[in-house]
Amino acid sequence: MDKKQQAARIQRIVNTIAERVTAVPEGSRPAYIQEEVARVRDAFRRTYEADASSAAYAMQFVDTMDRWIKARVRELETERSRVELVRDRAELDS
């Protein structure tokens, strides 16, 4: 797996975790994110144990995943808020 493929894989993982986080109560989100990142870290260690350079590169991504997840959650919630606002306005207009 090359770096571009690794990046795409991590982006899919970030998106999946972020989607799940939106269903978790806000007070529980930091712990949930931490647990998910730890799971990904363990999976990547096993996946890349035979290739030290790929493992190092993957761990660099994993080290920043929590920030990416939090940012993606904000994006998702902002998008949903906008959709709800548009929907509410449409209902008022009808």
Protein backbone atom coordinates (compact mmCIF):
# COMPACT_ATOMS: atom_id res chain seq x y z
CA MET A 1 0.00 0.00 0.00
CA ASP A 2 1.53 3.33 -1.02
CA LYS A 3 1.24 6.62 0.85
CA LYS A 4 -1.68 7.83 -1.25
CA GLN A 5 -3.62 4.65 -0.54
CA GLN A 6 -2.80 4.91 3.16
CA ALA A 7 -4.05 8.50 3.23
CA ALA A 8 -7.30 7.52 1.51
CA ARG A 9 -7.78 4.64 3.92
CA ILE A 10 -7.24 6.88 6.93
CA GLN A 11 -9.66 9.46 5.52
CA ARG A 12 -12.34 6.79 5.19
CA ILE A 13 -11.67 5.68 8.76
CA VAL A 14 -11.85 9.29 10.01
CA ASN A 15 -15.15 9.82 8.22
CA THR A 16 -16.61 6.59 9.61
CA ILE A 17 -15.56 7.37 13.17
CA ALA A 18 -16.83 10.96 12.89
CA GLU A 19 -20.22 9.74 11.70
CA ARG A 20 -20.43 7.44 14.71
CA VAL A 21 -19.28 10.17 17.10
CA THR A 22 -22.26 12.33 16.15
CA ALA A 23 -24.51 9.70 17.76
CA VAL A 24 -22.53 9.74 21.03
CA PRO A 25 -23.49 12.20 23.80
CA GLU A 26 -21.13 15.19 23.85
CA GLY A 27 -19.70 14.39 27.27
CA SER A 28 -18.71 10.90 26.14
CA ARG A 29 -17.20 11.92 22.82
CA PRO A 30 -13.58 12.51 23.90
CA ALA A 31 -13.32 9.05 25.45
CA TYR A 32 -15.05 7.45 22.46
CA ILE A 33 -12.67 9.15 20.03
CA GLN A 34 -9.68 8.13 22.15
CA GLU A 35 -10.83 4.49 22.17
CA GLU A 36 -11.39 4.45 18.42
CA VAL A 37 -7.99 6.01 17.69
CA ALA A 38 -6.35 3.42 19.98
CA ARG A 39 -8.12 0.66 18.05
CA VAL A 40 -6.90 2.06 14.74
CA ARG A 41 -3.37 2.40 16.11
CA ASP A 42 -3.35 -1.26 17.18
CA ALA A 43 -4.76 -2.40 13.83
CA PHE A 44 -2.16 -0.38 11.92
CA ARG A 45 0.67 -1.75 14.07
CA ARG A 46 -0.39 -5.27 13.16
CA THR A 47 -0.94 -4.39 9.50
CA TYR A 48 2.42 -2.68 9.02
CA GLU A 49 4.60 -4.65 11.45
CA ALA A 50 6.65 -6.10 8.59
CA ASP A 51 7.32 -2.71 6.97
CA ALA A 52 8.89 -0.20 9.36
CA SER A 53 8.77 2.77 6.98
CA SER A 54 5.08 2.25 6.19
CA ALA A 55 4.37 1.73 9.87
CA ALA A 56 6.07 5.01 10.77
CA TYR A 57 4.15 6.86 8.08
CA ALA A 58 0.84 5.32 9.18
CA MET A 59 1.51 6.22 12.82
CA GLN A 60 2.10 9.85 11.81
CA PHE A 61 -1.41 9.87 10.37
CA VAL A 62 -2.85 8.11 13.41
CA ASP A 63 -1.23 10.68 15.69
CA THR A 64 -3.31 13.41 14.03
CA MET A 65 -6.53 11.45 13.67
CA ASP A 66 -8.19 12.77 16.82
CA ARG A 67 -7.98 16.35 15.52
CA TRP A 68 -9.26 15.27 12.11
CA ILE A 69 -12.14 13.38 13.68
CA LYS A 70 -13.14 16.37 15.83
CA ALA A 71 -12.95 18.68 12.83
CA ARG A 72 -15.04 16.29 10.73
CA VAL A 73 -17.64 16.02 13.50
CA ARG A 74 -17.94 19.83 13.54
CA GLU A 75 -18.36 19.81 9.75
CA LEU A 76 -21.02 17.11 9.89
CA GLU A 77 -22.95 18.86 12.63
CA THR A 78 -22.73 22.19 10.82
CA GLU A 79 -24.00 20.57 7.62
CA ARG A 80 -26.86 18.95 9.50
CA SER A 81 -27.76 22.22 11.20
CA ARG A 82 -27.88 23.96 7.84
CA VAL A 83 -30.05 21.23 6.36
CA GLU A 84 -32.41 21.46 9.33
CA LEU A 85 -32.56 25.24 8.99
CA VAL A 86 -33.39 24.99 5.29
CA ARG A 87 -35.99 22.32 6.01
CA ASP A 88 -37.57 24.46 8.76
CA ARG A 89 -37.71 27.48 6.45
CA ALA A 90 -39.27 25.39 3.69
CA GLU A 91 -41.95 24.17 6.12
CA LEU A 92 -42.70 27.75 7.17
CA ASP A 93 -43.01 28.84 3.55
CA SER A 94 -45.46 26.09 2.68
